[in-house]
Every structure is written in structure tokens, then in C-alpha cells.
Amino acid sequence: MQASSACNRASVQFARAPSSRRAGCRAARLVVQAKVDLQGGPRKIRGKCFITKDNIDTDQIIPAEYLTLVPSKPDEYEKLGSYALCGLPDDLYPTRYVEVDSMKTDYPIIIGGQNFGCGSSREHAPVALGASGATVVVAESYARIFFRNCVSTGELYPVETDVRLCEELETGREVEVDMEADVLTDLTTGKKYSLKPLGDAGPVIDAGGIFEFARKSGMIKAKA
């Protein structure tokens, strides 16, 4: 990513949005404790997937009543993760994303439909998912601000696909998301599905978010 695609060298805010749409700039409001950590390995995630459908909004991802939790405090960051996707209706989603009395999810991979992350612009949404143990969302499309917040916080890889995977897979299915080869593999059947490249967003998330990327790239002064 060039400095020109991240607003300016002094204050880099947001990476490229999906489908090559440029996102705007604004001050980051959240400081979070943890990031996606692949331990220096390739962007390849294996695990159980959790299936959602179209128009999953930020109230379903993290209801407003939990926005008082402060992600910069480790215990509150963990608690925020425990409420991830608790706003989904029970009749449509009988399997909870994070079990009651648990702090982490069994589903590091979320599969969505169209317009994932719509609704309010709260940065708590990708932070809550990241805190719960989610690593990647694979969806047909994203709300622009949710995609941007995933990149700016470095909490979650938002991957796009033209395939309606939410109707191809089921919750609990073991899959592998290979963001190097841009393919999702159903490990039960061996069937492979094409993904869109992360592009400039990938290195920003790898670095731990936009400010860490800017520091590591020399765009802004590193911490003393």
C-alpha cells in the first residue's frame, strides 16, 4: 500500500474498501488489546465455520448495551468477545456463536451472505468478533464501514466471494480459508470455492491494524 492510499503519512487511517471503493478518514476511537496472530505463517485458517445469512447488522454482532465495555482493558476486551453475535435471533440461529458462560467461540471462521456488518458504524463489531476468537469472515459483500473497521483495527480478515457459501455450507463444517491461494476448501467433501484477493488490506491486518502498519512502514514515528 502506498501512503497516498492511506490518507497521509502523518495520520494513516483506513485501507482500501471492498470492490476497490476508497474509504474516508476519521480519527480512530478504539484501542484494542489483541490482534489476528498467525505467528508469522501464511494467511491460512482451518476450523469450524459458523453460517450467517444476509444483512447481519452491527446490533446483531454486538448489541448496543455492551458498548460500554472498553476494549483497551484486557478483561473487558475478553468480555466483549463473549457477547459476539449474541444479537442473532434464536429461532433462526439455534446454535450460539459463543456458548453461555464461555469467553471464546468454537468457530474461528464466519460465513456470511450479502451486506455483512450493515447498520451503525461501531468499531466494537469487528473488535468483538476478534475478541471472541474469530479470525476471518467470508461473505458475498460487506457494509463499507464494517470492512474499513476490520482493516483499521486489525482484528479480522474480511474476505469476499462471488459464491453464496452460506447456502453451500453448514454451521460446524470444517473448512480451510487460504488467503494466499484465494480459495476456501470444504475439508469434508474436498470441494473448493474461489475467494477474492484481500489486496492492500491484507498487509495492514497482518501488521495489527492501520497504525501499526503505518509505524512499521515508517509512515509515522514508531513508539519510543
C-alpha atoms as a PDB file:
ATOM      1  CA  MET A   1       0.000   0.000   0.000  1.00  0.00           C
ATOM      2  CA  GLN A   2       1.296   3.454  -0.862  1.00  0.00           C
ATOM      3  CA  ALA A   3       0.977   6.346   1.559  1.00  0.00           C
ATOM      4  CA  SER A   4      -1.380   8.108  -0.837  1.00  0.00           C
ATOM      5  CA  SER A   5      -3.955   5.323  -0.426  1.00  0.00           C
ATOM      6  CA  ALA A   6      -3.985   5.781   3.335  1.00  0.00           C
ATOM      7  CA  CYS A   7      -4.825   9.484   3.570  1.00  0.00           C
ATOM      8  CA  ASN A   8      -1.393  10.880   4.502  1.00  0.00           C
ATOM      9  CA  ARG A   9       1.933   9.937   6.117  1.00  0.00           C
ATOM     10  CA  ALA A  10       1.243  11.688   9.401  1.00  0.00           C
ATOM     11  CA  SER A  11      -2.137  10.105  10.096  1.00  0.00           C
ATOM     12  CA  VAL A  12      -2.959   6.917   8.213  1.00  0.00           C
ATOM     13  CA  GLN A  13      -6.500   5.868   8.938  1.00  0.00           C
ATOM     14  CA  PHE A  14      -8.094   3.328   6.658  1.00  0.00           C
ATOM     15  CA  ALA A  15      -7.221   0.819   3.937  1.00  0.00           C
ATOM     16  CA  ARG A  16      -8.953   0.148   0.645  1.00  0.00           C
ATOM     17  CA  ALA A  17     -12.594  -0.857   0.931  1.00  0.00           C
ATOM     18  CA  PRO A  18     -14.076  -3.847  -0.946  1.00  0.00           C
ATOM     19  CA  SER A  19     -14.604  -3.737  -4.706  1.00  0.00           C
ATOM     20  CA  SER A  20     -11.925  -1.029  -4.967  1.00  0.00           C
ATOM     21  CA  ARG A  21     -14.023   1.608  -3.213  1.00  0.00           C
ATOM     22  CA  ARG A  22     -11.905   4.112  -1.310  1.00  0.00           C
ATOM     23  CA  ALA A  23     -12.789   4.702   2.324  1.00  0.00           C
ATOM     24  CA  GLY A  24     -12.646   8.079   4.026  1.00  0.00           C
ATOM     25  CA  CYS A  25     -10.611   9.174   7.003  1.00  0.00           C
ATOM     26  CA  ARG A  26     -11.578   9.800  10.598  1.00  0.00           C
ATOM     27  CA  ALA A  27      -9.938   9.529  13.988  1.00  0.00           C
ATOM     28  CA  ALA A  28      -9.740   6.032  15.476  1.00  0.00           C
ATOM     29  CA  ARG A  29     -11.818   5.744  18.633  1.00  0.00           C
ATOM     30  CA  LEU A  30     -10.752   2.343  19.911  1.00  0.00           C
ATOM     31  CA  VAL A  31      -7.507   0.986  21.237  1.00  0.00           C
ATOM     32  CA  VAL A  32      -7.666  -2.814  21.381  1.00  0.00           C
ATOM     33  CA  GLN A  33      -5.558  -5.388  23.179  1.00  0.00           C
ATOM     34  CA  ALA A  34      -5.264  -8.304  20.752  1.00  0.00           C
ATOM     35  CA  LYS A  35      -4.927  -8.809  17.015  1.00  0.00           C
ATOM     36  CA  VAL A  36      -5.065 -11.583  14.452  1.00  0.00           C
ATOM     37  CA  ASP A  37      -1.908 -13.594  15.110  1.00  0.00           C
ATOM     38  CA  LEU A  38      -0.776 -16.096  12.513  1.00  0.00           C
ATOM     39  CA  GLN A  39       2.644 -16.338  14.192  1.00  0.00           C
ATOM     40  CA  GLY A  40       4.419 -15.329  11.028  1.00  0.00           C
ATOM     41  CA  GLY A  41       2.794 -18.050   8.964  1.00  0.00           C
ATOM     42  CA  PRO A  42       0.769 -17.746   5.757  1.00  0.00           C
ATOM     43  CA  ARG A  43      -2.788 -16.427   5.781  1.00  0.00           C
ATOM     44  CA  LYS A  44      -4.345 -19.870   6.059  1.00  0.00           C
ATOM     45  CA  ILE A  45      -7.047 -20.653   8.640  1.00  0.00           C
ATOM     46  CA  ARG A  46      -8.576 -24.031   9.458  1.00  0.00           C
ATOM     47  CA  GLY A  47     -11.502 -24.635  11.744  1.00  0.00           C
ATOM     48  CA  LYS A  48     -15.245 -24.893  12.150  1.00  0.00           C
ATOM     49  CA  CYS A  49     -17.367 -22.357  10.319  1.00  0.00           C
ATOM     50  CA  PHE A  50     -20.431 -20.528  11.593  1.00  0.00           C
ATOM     51  CA  ILE A  51     -23.077 -19.734   8.989  1.00  0.00           C
ATOM     52  CA  THR A  52     -24.989 -16.458   8.860  1.00  0.00           C
ATOM     53  CA  LYS A  53     -27.230 -15.067   6.143  1.00  0.00           C
ATOM     54  CA  ASP A  54     -27.787 -11.653   4.537  1.00  0.00           C
ATOM     55  CA  ASN A  55     -27.804  -8.248   6.251  1.00  0.00           C
ATOM     56  CA  ILE A  56     -26.184  -9.217   9.542  1.00  0.00           C
ATOM     57  CA  ASP A  57     -26.064  -5.834  11.229  1.00  0.00           C
ATOM     58  CA  THR A  58     -23.831  -4.479  13.953  1.00  0.00           C
ATOM     59  CA  ASP A  59     -26.634  -4.727  16.541  1.00  0.00           C
ATOM     60  CA  GLN A  60     -26.666  -8.473  15.925  1.00  0.00           C
ATOM     61  CA  ILE A  61     -22.881  -8.643  16.028  1.00  0.00           C
ATOM     62  CA  ILE A  62     -22.656  -6.737  19.316  1.00  0.00           C
ATOM     63  CA  PRO A  63     -25.828  -5.225  20.850  1.00  0.00           C
ATOM     64  CA  ALA A  64     -25.643  -1.600  21.953  1.00  0.00           C
ATOM     65  CA  GLU A  65     -25.982  -2.495  25.647  1.00  0.00           C
ATOM     66  CA  TYR A  66     -22.413  -3.889  25.582  1.00  0.00           C
ATOM     67  CA  LEU A  67     -20.776  -0.860  24.001  1.00  0.00           C
ATOM     68  CA  THR A  68     -19.836   0.438  27.445  1.00  0.00           C
ATOM     69  CA  LEU A  69     -17.124  -2.239  27.589  1.00  0.00           C
ATOM     70  CA  VAL A  70     -13.706  -0.723  26.924  1.00  0.00           C
ATOM     71  CA  PRO A  71     -11.551  -2.856  24.587  1.00  0.00           C
ATOM     72  CA  SER A  72      -8.303  -1.317  25.892  1.00  0.00           C
ATOM     73  CA  LYS A  73      -8.941  -3.073  29.216  1.00  0.00           C
ATOM     74  CA  PRO A  74      -7.999  -6.759  28.811  1.00  0.00           C
ATOM     75  CA  ASP A  75     -10.814  -8.140  30.969  1.00  0.00           C
ATOM     76  CA  GLU A  76     -13.427  -6.019  29.209  1.00  0.00           C
ATOM     77  CA  TYR A  77     -11.979  -6.947  25.818  1.00  0.00           C
ATOM     78  CA  GLU A  78     -12.478 -10.627  26.688  1.00  0.00           C
ATOM     79  CA  LYS A  79     -15.985  -9.971  27.960  1.00  0.00           C
ATOM     80  CA  LEU A  80     -16.833  -8.104  24.761  1.00  0.00           C
ATOM     81  CA  GLY A  81     -15.868 -11.221  22.812  1.00  0.00           C
ATOM     82  CA  SER A  82     -18.185 -13.365  24.905  1.00  0.00           C
ATOM     83  CA  TYR A  83     -21.160 -11.367  23.567  1.00  0.00           C
ATOM     84  CA  ALA A  84     -20.187 -11.616  19.878  1.00  0.00           C
ATOM     85  CA  LEU A  85     -23.189 -12.348  17.631  1.00  0.00           C
ATOM     86  CA  CYS A  86     -25.452 -12.710  20.665  1.00  0.00           C
ATOM     87  CA  GLY A  87     -27.947 -10.434  18.918  1.00  0.00           C
ATOM     88  CA  LEU A  88     -28.808 -13.076  16.333  1.00  0.00           C
ATOM     89  CA  PRO A  89     -32.423 -14.286  16.672  1.00  0.00           C
ATOM     90  CA  ASP A  90     -32.613 -17.648  18.464  1.00  0.00           C
ATOM     91  CA  ASP A  91     -35.273 -19.017  16.129  1.00  0.00           C
ATOM     92  CA  LEU A  92     -33.036 -18.561  13.091  1.00  0.00           C
ATOM     93  CA  TYR A  93     -29.735 -19.345  14.830  1.00  0.00           C
ATOM     94  CA  PRO A  94     -30.322 -22.069  17.455  1.00  0.00           C
ATOM     95  CA  THR A  95     -26.555 -22.612  17.762  1.00  0.00           C
ATOM     96  CA  ARG A  96     -24.905 -19.832  19.730  1.00  0.00           C
ATOM     97  CA  TYR A  97     -21.728 -18.372  18.311  1.00  0.00           C
ATOM     98  CA  VAL A  98     -20.244 -18.177  21.822  1.00  0.00           C
ATOM     99  CA  GLU A  99     -21.738 -20.571  24.326  1.00  0.00           C
ATOM    100  CA  VAL A 100     -23.217 -19.232  27.554  1.00  0.00           C
ATOM    101  CA  ASP A 101     -20.547 -18.992  30.273  1.00  0.00           C
ATOM    102  CA  SER A 102     -17.805 -19.212  27.647  1.00  0.00           C
ATOM    103  CA  MET A 103     -15.452 -16.407  26.626  1.00  0.00           C
ATOM    104  CA  LYS A 104     -14.377 -17.844  23.268  1.00  0.00           C
ATOM    105  CA  THR A 105     -16.084 -19.274  20.209  1.00  0.00           C
ATOM    106  CA  ASP A 106     -15.602 -22.702  18.651  1.00  0.00           C
ATOM    107  CA  TYR A 107     -15.961 -21.117  15.202  1.00  0.00           C
ATOM    108  CA  PRO A 108     -12.930 -19.101  14.039  1.00  0.00           C
ATOM    109  CA  ILE A 109     -14.421 -18.784  10.544  1.00  0.00           C
ATOM    110  CA  ILE A 110     -17.685 -16.925   9.916  1.00  0.00           C
ATOM    111  CA  ILE A 111     -19.545 -17.374   6.638  1.00  0.00           C
ATOM    112  CA  GLY A 112     -21.913 -14.572   5.634  1.00  0.00           C
ATOM    113  CA  GLY A 113     -24.177 -13.606   2.780  1.00  0.00           C
ATOM    114  CA  GLN A 114     -24.672 -10.125   1.393  1.00  0.00           C
ATOM    115  CA  ASN A 115     -24.124  -6.829   3.246  1.00  0.00           C
ATOM    116  CA  PHE A 116     -22.411  -8.291   6.299  1.00  0.00           C
ATOM    117  CA  GLY A 117     -21.840  -5.687   9.014  1.00  0.00           C
ATOM    118  CA  CYS A 118     -24.514  -3.214   7.948  1.00  0.00           C
ATOM    119  CA  GLY A 119     -26.112  -0.780  10.388  1.00  0.00           C
ATOM    120  CA  SER A 120     -24.208   1.550  12.683  1.00  0.00           C
ATOM    121  CA  SER A 121     -20.520   2.319  12.225  1.00  0.00           C
ATOM    122  CA  ARG A 122     -19.439   0.987  15.639  1.00  0.00           C
ATOM    123  CA  GLU A 123     -15.864  -0.292  15.666  1.00  0.00           C
ATOM    124  CA  HIS A 124     -16.865  -2.614  18.508  1.00  0.00           C
ATOM    125  CA  ALA A 125     -18.323  -5.009  15.895  1.00  0.00           C
ATOM    126  CA  PRO A 126     -15.079  -6.382  14.394  1.00  0.00           C
ATOM    127  CA  VAL A 127     -13.371  -5.963  17.780  1.00  0.00           C
ATOM    128  CA  ALA A 128     -15.982  -8.191  19.459  1.00  0.00           C
ATOM    129  CA  LEU A 129     -15.586 -10.829  16.768  1.00  0.00           C
ATOM    130  CA  GLY A 130     -11.812 -10.713  17.065  1.00  0.00           C
ATOM    131  CA  ALA A 131     -12.007 -10.892  20.856  1.00  0.00           C
ATOM    132  CA  SER A 132     -14.233 -13.968  20.597  1.00  0.00           C
ATOM    133  CA  GLY A 133     -11.604 -15.832  18.608  1.00  0.00           C
ATOM    134  CA  ALA A 134     -12.859 -15.194  15.089  1.00  0.00           C
ATOM    135  CA  THR A 135     -10.090 -14.792  12.526  1.00  0.00           C
ATOM    136  CA  VAL A 136     -11.847 -14.392   9.191  1.00  0.00           C
ATOM    137  CA  VAL A 137     -15.265 -13.605   7.750  1.00  0.00           C
ATOM    138  CA  VAL A 138     -16.051 -14.820   4.241  1.00  0.00           C
ATOM    139  CA  ALA A 139     -19.085 -13.072   2.754  1.00  0.00           C
ATOM    140  CA  GLU A 140     -20.545 -12.050  -0.585  1.00  0.00           C
ATOM    141  CA  SER A 141     -20.347  -8.374   0.330  1.00  0.00           C
ATOM    142  CA  TYR A 142     -19.756  -6.082   3.300  1.00  0.00           C
ATOM    143  CA  ALA A 143     -21.043  -2.805   4.556  1.00  0.00           C
ATOM    144  CA  ARG A 144     -18.278  -0.369   3.623  1.00  0.00           C
ATOM    145  CA  ILE A 145     -17.675   0.913   7.150  1.00  0.00           C
ATOM    146  CA  PHE A 146     -17.547  -2.582   8.664  1.00  0.00           C
ATOM    147  CA  PHE A 147     -14.925  -3.628   6.109  1.00  0.00           C
ATOM    148  CA  ARG A 148     -12.940  -0.497   6.854  1.00  0.00           C
ATOM    149  CA  ASN A 149     -13.144  -1.082  10.615  1.00  0.00           C
ATOM    150  CA  CYS A 150     -11.888  -4.654  10.202  1.00  0.00           C
ATOM    151  CA  VAL A 151      -8.814  -3.299   8.453  1.00  0.00           C
ATOM    152  CA  SER A 152      -8.224  -0.302  10.704  1.00  0.00           C
ATOM    153  CA  THR A 153      -8.411  -2.346  13.922  1.00  0.00           C
ATOM    154  CA  GLY A 154      -6.539  -5.338  12.505  1.00  0.00           C
ATOM    155  CA  GLU A 155      -8.986  -7.632  14.295  1.00  0.00           C
ATOM    156  CA  LEU A 156     -10.429  -9.646  11.435  1.00  0.00           C
ATOM    157  CA  TYR A 157      -9.806 -10.580   7.805  1.00  0.00           C
ATOM    158  CA  PRO A 158     -12.899  -9.641   5.718  1.00  0.00           C
ATOM    159  CA  VAL A 159     -12.753 -11.831   2.592  1.00  0.00           C
ATOM    160  CA  GLU A 160     -15.189 -11.539  -0.301  1.00  0.00           C
ATOM    161  CA  THR A 161     -16.504 -14.256  -2.588  1.00  0.00           C
ATOM    162  CA  ASP A 162     -18.928 -14.421  -5.502  1.00  0.00           C
ATOM    163  CA  VAL A 163     -20.157 -17.798  -4.245  1.00  0.00           C
ATOM    164  CA  ARG A 164     -23.164 -17.990  -1.944  1.00  0.00           C
ATOM    165  CA  LEU A 165     -21.320 -20.070   0.622  1.00  0.00           C
ATOM    166  CA  CYS A 166     -23.975 -19.504   3.284  1.00  0.00           C
ATOM    167  CA  GLU A 167     -26.154 -21.904   1.293  1.00  0.00           C
ATOM    168  CA  GLU A 168     -23.342 -24.285   0.353  1.00  0.00           C
ATOM    169  CA  LEU A 169     -22.039 -24.936   3.871  1.00  0.00           C
ATOM    170  CA  GLU A 170     -23.498 -25.509   7.322  1.00  0.00           C
ATOM    171  CA  THR A 171     -22.513 -24.470  10.823  1.00  0.00           C
ATOM    172  CA  GLY A 172     -19.906 -26.782  12.294  1.00  0.00           C
ATOM    173  CA  ARG A 173     -18.400 -27.829   8.970  1.00  0.00           C
ATOM    174  CA  GLU A 174     -14.594 -27.945   8.981  1.00  0.00           C
ATOM    175  CA  VAL A 175     -13.152 -25.670   6.321  1.00  0.00           C
ATOM    176  CA  GLU A 176      -9.854 -24.077   5.361  1.00  0.00           C
ATOM    177  CA  VAL A 177      -9.589 -20.482   4.202  1.00  0.00           C
ATOM    178  CA  ASP A 178      -6.393 -19.998   2.215  1.00  0.00           C
ATOM    179  CA  MET A 179      -5.908 -16.279   1.667  1.00  0.00           C
ATOM    180  CA  GLU A 180      -2.659 -16.884  -0.205  1.00  0.00           C
ATOM    181  CA  ALA A 181      -4.261 -19.068  -2.886  1.00  0.00           C
ATOM    182  CA  ASP A 182      -7.658 -17.283  -2.580  1.00  0.00           C
ATOM    183  CA  VAL A 183      -9.622 -20.469  -2.075  1.00  0.00           C
ATOM    184  CA  LEU A 184     -11.900 -21.933   0.606  1.00  0.00           C
ATOM    185  CA  THR A 185     -11.903 -25.710   0.921  1.00  0.00           C
ATOM    186  CA  ASP A 186     -14.651 -27.805   2.495  1.00  0.00           C
ATOM    187  CA  LEU A 187     -12.496 -30.333   4.360  1.00  0.00           C
ATOM    188  CA  THR A 188     -15.345 -32.850   4.477  1.00  0.00           C
ATOM    189  CA  THR A 189     -16.016 -33.023   0.744  1.00  0.00           C
ATOM    190  CA  GLY A 190     -12.789 -31.556  -0.621  1.00  0.00           C
ATOM    191  CA  LYS A 191     -14.780 -29.071  -2.699  1.00  0.00           C
ATOM    192  CA  LYS A 192     -13.033 -25.762  -3.333  1.00  0.00           C
ATOM    193  CA  TYR A 193     -14.570 -22.301  -3.703  1.00  0.00           C
ATOM    194  CA  SER A 194     -12.919 -19.207  -5.141  1.00  0.00           C
ATOM    195  CA  LEU A 195     -12.288 -16.136  -2.984  1.00  0.00           C
ATOM    196  CA  LYS A 196     -11.394 -12.594  -3.943  1.00  0.00           C
ATOM    197  CA  PRO A 197      -7.898 -11.362  -3.048  1.00  0.00           C
ATOM    198  CA  LEU A 198      -7.549  -9.201   0.057  1.00  0.00           C
ATOM    199  CA  GLY A 199      -5.309  -6.810  -1.843  1.00  0.00           C
ATOM    200  CA  ASP A 200      -3.893  -3.837   0.079  1.00  0.00           C
ATOM    201  CA  ALA A 201      -5.989  -4.693   3.141  1.00  0.00           C
ATOM    202  CA  GLY A 202      -4.014  -7.873   3.838  1.00  0.00           C
ATOM    203  CA  PRO A 203      -0.686  -6.357   4.945  1.00  0.00           C
ATOM    204  CA  VAL A 204      -2.490  -3.804   7.137  1.00  0.00           C
ATOM    205  CA  ILE A 205      -4.345  -6.533   9.037  1.00  0.00           C
ATOM    206  CA  ASP A 206      -1.166  -8.629   9.182  1.00  0.00           C
ATOM    207  CA  ALA A 207       0.565  -5.706  10.905  1.00  0.00           C
ATOM    208  CA  GLY A 208      -2.158  -5.393  13.563  1.00  0.00           C
ATOM    209  CA  GLY A 209      -4.155  -2.503  12.153  1.00  0.00           C
ATOM    210  CA  ILE A 210      -3.611   0.762  10.379  1.00  0.00           C
ATOM    211  CA  PHE A 211      -1.482   2.492  12.996  1.00  0.00           C
ATOM    212  CA  GLU A 212       0.817  -0.489  13.495  1.00  0.00           C
ATOM    213  CA  PHE A 213       1.133  -0.767   9.715  1.00  0.00           C
ATOM    214  CA  ALA A 214       1.986   2.915   9.477  1.00  0.00           C
ATOM    215  CA  ARG A 215       4.642   2.615  12.181  1.00  0.00           C
ATOM    216  CA  LYS A 216       6.206  -0.489  10.654  1.00  0.00           C
ATOM    217  CA  SER A 217       6.188   1.139   7.226  1.00  0.00           C
ATOM    218  CA  GLY A 218       7.800   4.321   8.506  1.00  0.00           C
ATOM    219  CA  MET A 219       4.779   6.470   7.646  1.00  0.00           C
ATOM    220  CA  ILE A 220       4.541   7.687  11.225  1.00  0.00           C
ATOM    221  CA  LYS A 221       7.077   7.725  14.017  1.00  0.00           C
ATOM    222  CA  ALA A 222       7.396   4.457  15.917  1.00  0.00           C
ATOM    223  CA  LYS A 223       6.751   4.399  19.638  1.00  0.00           C
ATOM    224  CA  ALA A 224       9.801   5.189  21.755  1.00  0.00           C
END
